[in-house]
PDB file of N, CA and C in Angstrom:
ATOM      1  N   MET A   1     -15.703  10.002  47.957  1.00  0.00           N
ATOM      2  CA  MET A   1     -15.661   8.838  46.896  1.00  0.00           C
ATOM      3  C   MET A   1     -14.555   7.753  46.950  1.00  0.00           C
ATOM      4  N   GLY A   2     -14.348   6.665  46.613  1.00  0.00           N
ATOM      5  CA  GLY A   2     -13.208   5.827  46.567  1.00  0.00           C
ATOM      6  C   GLY A   2     -12.289   6.733  45.231  1.00  0.00           C
ATOM      7  N   LYS A   3     -11.064   5.769  44.514  1.00  0.00           N
ATOM      8  CA  LYS A   3     -10.533   5.654  43.341  1.00  0.00           C
ATOM      9  C   LYS A   3     -11.231   4.553  42.908  1.00  0.00           C
ATOM     10  N   LEU A   4     -11.289   5.223  41.316  1.00  0.00           N
ATOM     11  CA  LEU A   4     -11.724   3.995  40.266  1.00  0.00           C
ATOM     12  C   LEU A   4     -10.999   3.482  39.842  1.00  0.00           C
ATOM     13  N   PRO A   5     -11.044   2.286  39.524  1.00  0.00           N
ATOM     14  CA  PRO A   5     -10.101   0.982  39.392  1.00  0.00           C
ATOM     15  C   PRO A   5      -9.693   1.591  37.780  1.00  0.00           C
ATOM     16  N   ASN A   6      -8.236   1.409  37.708  1.00  0.00           N
ATOM     17  CA  ASN A   6      -7.988   1.467  36.176  1.00  0.00           C
ATOM     18  C   ASN A   6      -8.511  -0.033  35.307  1.00  0.00           C
ATOM     19  N   LEU A   7      -8.831   0.265  34.233  1.00  0.00           N
ATOM     20  CA  LEU A   7      -9.677  -0.701  33.558  1.00  0.00           C
ATOM     21  C   LEU A   7      -8.750  -1.160  32.932  1.00  0.00           C
ATOM     22  N   ARG A   8      -7.844  -0.551  32.256  1.00  0.00           N
ATOM     23  CA  ARG A   8      -6.978  -1.186  31.559  1.00  0.00           C
ATOM     24  C   ARG A   8      -5.846  -2.604  32.388  1.00  0.00           C
ATOM     25  N   SER A   9      -5.819  -2.229  33.722  1.00  0.00           N
ATOM     26  CA  SER A   9      -4.993  -2.921  34.702  1.00  0.00           C
ATOM     27  C   SER A   9      -6.225  -4.341  35.281  1.00  0.00           C
ATOM     28  N   ILE A  10      -7.426  -4.049  34.765  1.00  0.00           N
ATOM     29  CA  ILE A  10      -8.602  -4.980  35.419  1.00  0.00           C
ATOM     30  C   ILE A  10      -8.188  -6.316  34.227  1.00  0.00           C
ATOM     31  N   PHE A  11      -8.440  -5.420  32.749  1.00  0.00           N
ATOM     32  CA  PHE A  11      -8.260  -6.664  32.054  1.00  0.00           C
ATOM     33  C   PHE A  11      -6.792  -6.812  31.665  1.00  0.00           C
ATOM     34  N   ALA A  12      -5.657  -6.229  31.204  1.00  0.00           N
ATOM     35  CA  ALA A  12      -4.630  -7.101  31.381  1.00  0.00           C
ATOM     36  C   ALA A  12      -4.272  -8.012  32.600  1.00  0.00           C
ATOM     37  N   SER A  13      -5.011  -7.888  33.558  1.00  0.00           N
ATOM     38  CA  SER A  13      -4.461  -8.986  34.327  1.00  0.00           C
ATOM     39  C   SER A  13      -5.457 -10.259  33.935  1.00  0.00           C
ATOM     40  N   ALA A  14      -6.152 -10.415  33.137  1.00  0.00           N
ATOM     41  CA  ALA A  14      -7.071 -11.221  32.421  1.00  0.00           C
ATOM     42  C   ALA A  14      -6.026 -12.291  31.750  1.00  0.00           C
ATOM     43  N   ARG A  15      -4.847 -11.627  31.131  1.00  0.00           N
ATOM     44  CA  ARG A  15      -4.467 -12.362  30.085  1.00  0.00           C
ATOM     45  C   ARG A  15      -2.696 -12.406  30.153  1.00  0.00           C
ATOM     46  N   THR A  16      -2.078 -12.972  29.757  1.00  0.00           N
ATOM     47  CA  THR A  16      -1.015 -13.380  29.780  1.00  0.00           C
ATOM     48  C   THR A  16      -0.012 -12.201  29.250  1.00  0.00           C
ATOM     49  N   LEU A  17       1.212 -12.153  29.349  1.00  0.00           N
ATOM     50  CA  LEU A  17       2.006 -11.114  29.409  1.00  0.00           C
ATOM     51  C   LEU A  17       2.410 -11.041  27.858  1.00  0.00           C
ATOM     52  N   ASP A  18       2.594 -12.208  27.657  1.00  0.00           N
ATOM     53  CA  ASP A  18       2.328 -12.707  25.710  1.00  0.00           C
ATOM     54  C   ASP A  18       1.530 -12.184  24.354  1.00  0.00           C
ATOM     55  N   GLU A  19       0.074 -12.447  25.328  1.00  0.00           N
ATOM     56  CA  GLU A  19      -1.105 -11.983  24.790  1.00  0.00           C
ATOM     57  C   GLU A  19      -1.211 -10.199  24.882  1.00  0.00           C
ATOM     58  N   GLU A  20      -0.640  -9.808  26.461  1.00  0.00           N
ATOM     59  CA  GLU A  20      -0.780  -8.556  26.276  1.00  0.00           C
ATOM     60  C   GLU A  20       0.220  -7.940  25.146  1.00  0.00           C
ATOM     61  N   LYS A  21       1.285  -8.201  25.208  1.00  0.00           N
ATOM     62  CA  LYS A  21       1.954  -7.780  24.282  1.00  0.00           C
ATOM     63  C   LYS A  21       1.715  -7.852  22.705  1.00  0.00           C
ATOM     64  N   GLN A  22       0.922  -9.423  22.418  1.00  0.00           N
ATOM     65  CA  GLN A  22       0.768  -9.196  20.781  1.00  0.00           C
ATOM     66  C   GLN A  22      -0.623  -8.520  20.616  1.00  0.00           C
ATOM     67  N   LEU A  23      -1.471  -7.834  21.917  1.00  0.00           N
ATOM     68  CA  LEU A  23      -2.529  -6.710  21.869  1.00  0.00           C
ATOM     69  C   LEU A  23      -2.179  -5.556  21.693  1.00  0.00           C
ATOM     70  N   SER A  24      -1.357  -5.573  22.207  1.00  0.00           N
ATOM     71  CA  SER A  24      -0.270  -3.810  22.359  1.00  0.00           C
ATOM     72  C   SER A  24      -0.254  -3.654  20.892  1.00  0.00           C
ATOM     73  N   ARG A  25       1.031  -4.531  20.341  1.00  0.00           N
ATOM     74  CA  ARG A  25       1.368  -4.127  18.827  1.00  0.00           C
ATOM     75  C   ARG A  25       0.280  -4.401  17.614  1.00  0.00           C
ATOM     76  N   ALA A  26      -0.819  -5.203  17.893  1.00  0.00           N
ATOM     77  CA  ALA A  26      -1.793  -5.169  16.964  1.00  0.00           C
ATOM     78  C   ALA A  26      -2.285  -3.989  17.295  1.00  0.00           C
ATOM     79  N   THR A  27      -2.827  -3.161  18.333  1.00  0.00           N
ATOM     80  CA  THR A  27      -2.817  -1.682  18.358  1.00  0.00           C
ATOM     81  C   THR A  27      -2.725  -0.927  18.230  1.00  0.00           C
ATOM     82  N   PHE A  28      -1.045  -1.127  18.358  1.00  0.00           N
ATOM     83  CA  PHE A  28      -0.080   0.136  17.543  1.00  0.00           C
ATOM     84  C   PHE A  28      -0.594   0.285  15.803  1.00  0.00           C
ATOM     85  N   TYR A  29      -0.438  -1.276  15.710  1.00  0.00           N
ATOM     86  CA  TYR A  29      -0.408  -0.917  14.040  1.00  0.00           C
ATOM     87  C   TYR A  29      -1.627  -0.823  13.439  1.00  0.00           C
ATOM     88  N   ARG A  30      -2.302  -1.227  14.355  1.00  0.00           N
ATOM     89  CA  ARG A  30      -3.538  -0.237  13.746  1.00  0.00           C
ATOM     90  C   ARG A  30      -3.690   1.162  13.594  1.00  0.00           C
ATOM     91  N   PHE A  31      -3.574   1.288  14.707  1.00  0.00           N
ATOM     92  CA  PHE A  31      -3.331   3.625  14.449  1.00  0.00           C
ATOM     93  C   PHE A  31      -2.442   4.039  13.750  1.00  0.00           C
ATOM     94  N   ALA A  32      -1.155   3.131  13.332  1.00  0.00           N
ATOM     95  CA  ALA A  32      -0.142   3.769  12.812  1.00  0.00           C
ATOM     96  C   ALA A  32      -1.062   3.561  10.746  1.00  0.00           C
ATOM     97  N   VAL A  33      -1.836   2.727  10.872  1.00  0.00           N
ATOM     98  CA  VAL A  33      -2.294   2.678   9.781  1.00  0.00           C
ATOM     99  C   VAL A  33      -3.565   3.712   9.230  1.00  0.00           C
ATOM    100  N   PHE A  34      -4.234   3.821  10.650  1.00  0.00           N
ATOM    101  CA  PHE A  34      -5.566   4.695  10.538  1.00  0.00           C
ATOM    102  C   PHE A  34      -4.884   6.128  10.517  1.00  0.00           C
ATOM    103  N   VAL A  35      -3.737   6.692  11.478  1.00  0.00           N
ATOM    104  CA  VAL A  35      -2.919   7.786  11.112  1.00  0.00           C
ATOM    105  C   VAL A  35      -2.814   8.114   9.447  1.00  0.00           C
ATOM    106  N   GLY A  36      -2.264   6.380   9.292  1.00  0.00           N
ATOM    107  CA  GLY A  36      -1.303   7.187   7.469  1.00  0.00           C
ATOM    108  C   GLY A  36      -2.013   7.117   6.750  1.00  0.00           C
ATOM    109  N   SER A  37      -3.653   6.524   6.996  1.00  0.00           N
ATOM    110  CA  SER A  37      -4.606   6.258   5.525  1.00  0.00           C
ATOM    111  C   SER A  37      -4.955   8.232   5.711  1.00  0.00           C
ATOM    112  N   CYS A  38      -5.440   8.768   7.214  1.00  0.00           N
ATOM    113  CA  CYS A  38      -5.705  10.058   7.332  1.00  0.00           C
ATOM    114  C   CYS A  38      -5.089  10.915   6.652  1.00  0.00           C
ATOM    115  N   VAL A  39      -3.523  10.651   6.696  1.00  0.00           N
ATOM    116  CA  VAL A  39      -2.564  11.529   6.069  1.00  0.00           C
ATOM    117  C   VAL A  39      -2.814  11.116   4.549  1.00  0.00           C
ATOM    118  N   PHE A  40      -2.810  10.001   3.935  1.00  0.00           N
ATOM    119  CA  PHE A  40      -3.160   9.808   2.543  1.00  0.00           C
ATOM    120  C   PHE A  40      -4.135  10.624   2.193  1.00  0.00           C
ATOM    121  N   ILE A  41      -4.732  10.148   2.453  1.00  0.00           N
ATOM    122  CA  ILE A  41      -6.510  11.069   2.194  1.00  0.00           C
ATOM    123  C   ILE A  41      -6.696  12.347   2.217  1.00  0.00           C
ATOM    124  N   SER A  42      -5.656  13.527   3.304  1.00  0.00           N
ATOM    125  CA  SER A  42      -5.701  14.414   3.588  1.00  0.00           C
ATOM    126  C   SER A  42      -4.447  15.132   2.137  1.00  0.00           C
ATOM    127  N   LEU A  43      -3.385  13.805   1.832  1.00  0.00           N
ATOM    128  CA  LEU A  43      -2.748  14.910   1.174  1.00  0.00           C
ATOM    129  C   LEU A  43      -3.708  14.430  -0.660  1.00  0.00           C
ATOM    130  N   LEU A  44      -4.103  13.704  -0.601  1.00  0.00           N
ATOM    131  CA  LEU A  44      -5.079  13.316  -2.183  1.00  0.00           C
ATOM    132  C   LEU A  44      -5.487  14.487  -2.358  1.00  0.00           C
ATOM    133  N   ALA A  45      -7.073  14.373  -0.903  1.00  0.00           N
ATOM    134  CA  ALA A  45      -7.540  15.631  -1.468  1.00  0.00           C
ATOM    135  C   ALA A  45      -6.905  16.994  -2.016  1.00  0.00           C
ATOM    136  N   SER A  46      -5.949  17.651  -1.016  1.00  0.00           N
ATOM    137  CA  SER A  46      -5.103  18.269  -1.178  1.00  0.00           C
ATOM    138  C   SER A  46      -4.925  18.664  -2.478  1.00  0.00           C
ATOM    139  N   LYS A  47      -4.356  17.703  -2.961  1.00  0.00           N
ATOM    140  CA  LYS A  47      -3.730  17.792  -4.645  1.00  0.00           C
ATOM    141  C   LYS A  47      -4.738  17.756  -5.663  1.00  0.00           C
ATOM    142  N   SER A  48      -6.179  17.443  -5.011  1.00  0.00           N
ATOM    143  CA  SER A  48      -7.258  17.211  -6.271  1.00  0.00           C
ATOM    144  C   SER A  48      -7.758  18.812  -6.264  1.00  0.00           C
ATOM    145  N   ASN A  49      -7.988  18.916  -4.970  1.00  0.00           N
ATOM    146  CA  ASN A  49      -8.515  20.771  -5.091  1.00  0.00           C
ATOM    147  C   ASN A  49      -7.292  21.804  -5.314  1.00  0.00           C
ATOM    148  N   SER A  50      -6.143  21.278  -5.238  1.00  0.00           N
ATOM    149  CA  SER A  50      -5.114  22.615  -5.910  1.00  0.00           C
ATOM    150  C   SER A  50      -5.471  22.656  -7.589  1.00  0.00           C
ATOM    151  N   SER A  51      -5.327  20.680  -7.560  1.00  0.00           N
ATOM    152  CA  SER A  51      -5.701  20.377  -9.210  1.00  0.00           C
ATOM    153  C   SER A  51      -7.028  21.659  -9.885  1.00  0.00           C
ATOM    154  N   ALA A  52      -7.968  21.723  -9.281  1.00  0.00           N
ATOM    155  CA  ALA A  52      -9.316  21.896  -9.538  1.00  0.00           C
ATOM    156  C   ALA A  52      -9.110  23.398  -9.107  1.00  0.00           C
ATOM    157  N   ARG A  53      -8.673  23.930  -8.338  1.00  0.00           N
ATOM    158  CA  ARG A  53      -7.837  25.482  -8.756  1.00  0.00           C
ATOM    159  C   ARG A  53      -7.531  26.214  -9.444  1.00  0.00           C
ATOM    160  N   ASP A  54      -6.294  25.179  -9.740  1.00  0.00           N
ATOM    161  CA  ASP A  54      -4.895  25.315 -10.951  1.00  0.00           C
ATOM    162  C   ASP A  54      -6.096  25.304 -12.199  1.00  0.00           C
ATOM    163  N   THR A  55      -7.036  24.779 -12.390  1.00  0.00           N
ATOM    164  CA  THR A  55      -7.848  24.147 -13.604  1.00  0.00           C
ATOM    165  C   THR A  55      -9.315  25.668 -13.896  1.00  0.00           C
ATOM    166  N   LYS A  56      -9.696  25.747 -12.611  1.00  0.00           N
ATOM    167  CA  LYS A  56     -10.503  26.779 -12.262  1.00  0.00           C
ATOM    168  C   LYS A  56      -9.682  28.225 -12.942  1.00  0.00           C
ATOM    169  N   ARG A  57      -8.843  28.504 -12.215  1.00  0.00           N
ATOM    170  CA  ARG A  57      -7.762  29.722 -13.060  1.00  0.00           C
ATOM    171  C   ARG A  57      -7.469  29.509 -14.638  1.00  0.00           C
ATOM    172  N   ALA A  58      -6.978  28.767 -14.815  1.00  0.00           N
ATOM    173  CA  ALA A  58      -6.840  28.447 -16.513  1.00  0.00           C
ATOM    174  C   ALA A  58      -8.162  28.598 -17.221  1.00  0.00           C
ATOM    175  N   VAL A  59      -9.390  28.337 -17.044  1.00  0.00           N
ATOM    176  CA  VAL A  59     -10.470  28.351 -17.527  1.00  0.00           C
ATOM    177  C   VAL A  59     -10.676  30.190 -17.634  1.00  0.00           C
ATOM    178  N   SER A  60     -10.633  30.526 -16.205  1.00  0.00           N
ATOM    179  CA  SER A  60     -11.076  31.976 -15.871  1.00  0.00           C
ATOM    180  C   SER A  60      -9.898  32.874 -16.737  1.00  0.00           C
ATOM    181  N   SER A  61      -8.808  32.460 -17.143  1.00  0.00           N
ATOM    182  CA  SER A  61      -8.174  33.707 -17.479  1.00  0.00           C
ATOM    183  C   SER A  61      -7.960  33.048 -18.959  1.00  0.00           C
ATOM    184  N   ALA A  62      -8.912  31.702 -19.813  1.00  0.00           N
ATOM    185  CA  ALA A  62      -8.837  31.717 -20.978  1.00  0.00           C
ATOM    186  C   ALA A  62     -10.147  32.555 -21.542  1.00  0.00           C
ATOM    187  N   VAL A  63     -10.902  32.660 -20.433  1.00  0.00           N
ATOM    188  CA  VAL A  63     -12.192  33.136 -20.894  1.00  0.00           C
ATOM    189  C   VAL A  63     -12.007  34.935 -20.394  1.00  0.00           C
ATOM    190  N   THR A  64     -11.475  34.396 -19.966  1.00  0.00           N
ATOM    191  CA  THR A  64     -10.915  36.650 -19.731  1.00  0.00           C
ATOM    192  C   THR A  64     -10.067  36.970 -20.690  1.00  0.00           C
ATOM    193  N   GLN A  65      -9.086  36.593 -21.288  1.00  0.00           N
ATOM    194  CA  GLN A  65      -8.609  36.554 -22.434  1.00  0.00           C
ATOM    195  C   GLN A  65      -9.517  36.792 -24.256  1.00  0.00           C
ATOM    196  N   VAL A  66     -10.394  35.857 -24.184  1.00  0.00           N
ATOM    197  CA  VAL A  66     -11.246  35.734 -24.761  1.00  0.00           C
ATOM    198  C   VAL A  66     -12.453  36.996 -24.807  1.00  0.00           C
ATOM    199  N   PHE A  67     -12.622  37.229 -24.212  1.00  0.00           N
ATOM    200  CA  PHE A  67     -13.790  38.791 -23.566  1.00  0.00           C
ATOM    201  C   PHE A  67     -12.440  39.960 -23.897  1.00  0.00           C
ATOM    202  N   THR A  68     -11.512  39.788 -23.593  1.00  0.00           N
ATOM    203  CA  THR A  68     -10.499  41.401 -23.651  1.00  0.00           C
ATOM    204  C   THR A  68      -9.998  41.217 -24.848  1.00  0.00           C
ATOM    205  N   ASP A  69      -9.837  40.660 -25.694  1.00  0.00           N
ATOM    206  CA  ASP A  69      -9.211  40.594 -27.047  1.00  0.00           C
ATOM    207  C   ASP A  69     -10.653  40.990 -28.185  1.00  0.00           C
ATOM    208  N   GLY A  70     -11.669  41.082 -27.812  1.00  0.00           N
ATOM    209  CA  GLY A  70     -12.371  41.383 -28.763  1.00  0.00           C
ATOM    210  C   GLY A  70     -13.291  40.582 -29.298  1.00  0.00           C
ATOM    211  N   GLY A  71     -13.758  39.324 -28.502  1.00  0.00           N
ATOM    212  CA  GLY A  71     -14.625  38.373 -28.738  1.00  0.00           C
ATOM    213  C   GLY A  71     -14.005  37.022 -29.309  1.00  0.00           C
ATOM    214  N   LEU A  72     -14.573  35.850 -29.862  1.00  0.00           N
ATOM    215  CA  LEU A  72     -13.846  35.183 -30.620  1.00  0.00           C
ATOM    216  C   LEU A  72     -13.590  35.171 -31.953  1.00  0.00           C
ATOM    217  N   LYS A  73     -12.256  34.958 -32.511  1.00  0.00           N
ATOM    218  CA  LYS A  73     -12.026  35.021 -33.414  1.00  0.00           C
ATOM    219  C   LYS A  73     -12.014  33.605 -34.405  1.00  0.00           C
ATOM    220  N   LEU A  74     -12.921  33.648 -35.317  1.00  0.00           N
ATOM    221  CA  LEU A  74     -12.464  32.021 -35.869  1.00  0.00           C
ATOM    222  C   LEU A  74     -11.511  32.092 -37.234  1.00  0.00           C
ATOM    223  N   VAL A  75     -11.040  31.376 -37.263  1.00  0.00           N
ATOM    224  CA  VAL A  75      -9.654  31.444 -38.430  1.00  0.00           C
ATOM    225  C   VAL A  75     -10.223  30.517 -39.242  1.00  0.00           C
TER     226      VAL A  75
END
């Protein structure tokens, strides 16, 4: 079985060198924005999850303290 042709070279031969450079830059920038948005969303989710854990820990601590101090005390 023969070697399959390189699809990139087939499509690149249909474009001028300037068009190929422009397409390559646009593709790179789109990929960079995609990776950057993935990192941003991951950090945002991580901070949200960490603050939720901190809130849960604080509520759990407060509830534990109320029950170990002999119940609610009204002032």
